[in-house]
Amino acid sequence: MTKVKAPGNEEFLLTGAEEKLAFPVDAIILDDLNVLVADTGATCDLTPKQGMCNLVKGQDKDKITKGQGDGSHVSVLGNIPGDIVSRHGEPKRTVTLKGVSHVPNANFNLFSLTKK
């Protein structure tokens, strides 16, 4: 869970949890389209899942390199709408992650902290 300061010094979490916070015992939670892993090494936001809107075809320059060094061409980019909520789960505003790369062979959703 990552706490971020927004303009106006509002605090919000990139993802929330109900009541107790604990590390999951398996990776099933990563299959949820609503869960994004915050990554300081990622140069773009990406998802292996379908469900984005405002899709555009990827260009030759749209490629990603994974940590193991293997690359993937990004065939489609799109937007993922979502909500920012307070640490108490109260909705603050609606946001849209734009230009999210669709990478079908990725293991889970990544949210680039360095791109922001």
Protein backbone atom coordinates (compact mmCIF):
# COMPACT_ATOMS: atom_id res chain seq x y z
CA MET A 1 0.00 0.00 0.00
CA THR A 2 1.45 3.36 -1.00
CA LYS A 3 0.45 6.68 0.53
CA VAL A 4 0.67 9.65 -1.86
CA LYS A 5 0.34 13.39 -1.29
CA ALA A 6 -1.99 14.98 -3.82
CA PRO A 7 -2.20 18.69 -4.64
CA GLY A 8 -3.67 20.45 -1.62
CA ASN A 9 -1.87 18.00 0.70
CA GLU A 10 -4.68 15.45 0.58
CA GLU A 11 -3.46 11.96 1.38
CA PHE A 12 -4.72 8.98 -0.56
CA LEU A 13 -3.82 5.35 -1.08
CA LEU A 14 -3.19 3.71 -4.42
CA THR A 15 -5.20 0.79 -3.17
CA GLY A 16 -7.28 0.25 -0.07
CA ALA A 17 -8.09 -2.67 2.14
CA GLU A 18 -10.92 -3.40 4.50
CA GLU A 19 -10.11 -3.46 8.22
CA LYS A 20 -6.90 -5.45 8.78
CA LEU A 21 -3.97 -5.04 6.45
CA ALA A 22 -1.95 -8.19 5.85
CA PHE A 23 0.26 -9.65 3.18
CA PRO A 24 -1.70 -12.10 1.06
CA VAL A 25 -0.69 -15.74 1.33
CA ASP A 26 -0.98 -16.24 -2.44
CA ALA A 27 -0.96 -14.20 -5.63
CA ILE A 28 -4.67 -14.53 -6.42
CA ILE A 29 -5.28 -10.88 -5.49
CA LEU A 30 -3.04 -9.86 -8.43
CA ASP A 31 -5.64 -11.30 -10.85
CA ASP A 32 -8.08 -8.53 -9.87
CA LEU A 33 -8.19 -5.75 -12.51
CA ASN A 34 -8.67 -3.25 -9.67
CA VAL A 35 -5.32 -4.11 -8.04
CA LEU A 36 -2.25 -2.37 -9.40
CA VAL A 37 1.24 -3.01 -8.08
CA ALA A 38 3.10 0.28 -7.53
CA ASP A 39 6.52 -0.08 -9.17
CA THR A 40 9.36 2.45 -9.09
CA GLY A 41 11.18 0.54 -11.87
CA ALA A 42 8.28 0.50 -14.34
CA THR A 43 8.50 3.12 -17.09
CA CYS A 44 4.82 2.78 -18.00
CA ASP A 45 1.54 1.57 -16.55
CA LEU A 46 0.61 -1.84 -17.92
CA THR A 47 -1.97 -4.58 -17.64
CA PRO A 48 -2.38 -8.09 -19.04
CA LYS A 49 -6.17 -7.77 -18.66
CA GLN A 50 -8.90 -6.70 -21.07
CA GLY A 51 -11.34 -4.00 -20.02
CA MET A 52 -9.65 -0.71 -20.91
CA CYS A 53 -11.49 2.06 -22.77
CA ASN A 54 -10.43 4.52 -25.50
CA LEU A 55 -8.20 1.92 -27.13
CA VAL A 56 -5.54 2.95 -29.65
CA LYS A 57 -3.23 0.75 -31.66
CA GLY A 58 0.35 0.57 -30.39
CA GLN A 59 3.11 1.96 -32.57
CA ASP A 60 6.60 0.57 -33.23
CA LYS A 61 7.99 2.70 -30.36
CA ASP A 62 5.53 1.15 -27.88
CA LYS A 63 7.63 -1.63 -26.36
CA ILE A 64 8.40 -2.71 -22.82
CA THR A 65 11.36 -4.55 -21.38
CA LYS A 66 10.72 -6.79 -18.40
CA GLY A 67 13.08 -7.28 -15.48
CA GLN A 68 14.45 -10.46 -17.03
CA GLY A 69 15.47 -8.48 -20.12
CA ASP A 70 12.89 -9.94 -22.52
CA GLY A 71 10.85 -7.42 -24.46
CA SER A 72 7.23 -7.23 -25.52
CA HIS A 73 5.58 -5.16 -28.22
CA VAL A 74 2.56 -3.22 -26.99
CA SER A 75 -0.20 -3.79 -29.53
CA VAL A 76 -2.88 -1.74 -27.74
CA LEU A 77 -2.92 1.18 -25.29
CA GLY A 78 -5.97 2.41 -23.43
CA ASN A 79 -7.37 4.13 -20.37
CA ILE A 80 -8.46 2.67 -17.04
CA PRO A 81 -10.95 4.76 -15.06
CA GLY A 82 -10.91 4.52 -11.27
CA ASP A 83 -11.49 6.32 -7.99
CA ILE A 84 -9.13 7.80 -5.44
CA VAL A 85 -10.32 7.04 -1.94
CA SER A 86 -9.14 8.28 1.43
CA ARG A 87 -7.46 5.95 3.90
CA HIS A 88 -10.94 5.53 5.38
CA GLY A 89 -12.41 4.39 2.06
CA GLU A 90 -14.20 7.68 1.36
CA PRO A 91 -14.31 8.56 -2.36
CA LYS A 92 -12.29 11.72 -3.13
CA ARG A 93 -12.28 11.97 -6.93
CA THR A 94 -12.49 10.01 -10.12
CA VAL A 95 -9.25 9.56 -12.07
CA THR A 96 -8.23 7.95 -15.34
CA LEU A 97 -4.92 6.22 -15.95
CA LYS A 98 -4.18 7.17 -19.55
CA GLY A 99 -1.98 5.38 -22.04
CA VAL A 100 -1.92 2.07 -20.16
CA SER A 101 -0.07 -0.58 -22.18
CA HIS A 102 -1.86 -3.87 -22.77
CA VAL A 103 0.78 -6.61 -22.37
CA PRO A 104 -1.00 -10.00 -22.47
CA ASN A 105 2.05 -11.94 -21.22
CA ALA A 106 2.57 -9.68 -18.17
CA ASN A 107 1.93 -11.35 -14.82
CA PHE A 108 -0.13 -8.55 -13.23
CA ASN A 109 -1.06 -4.85 -13.40
CA LEU A 110 1.77 -2.37 -12.83
CA PHE A 111 1.40 1.28 -11.84
CA SER A 112 4.54 3.25 -12.68
CA LEU A 113 5.53 5.57 -9.86
CA THR A 114 8.32 7.14 -11.96
CA LYS A 115 6.01 8.05 -14.86
CA LYS A 116 3.80 10.26 -12.69
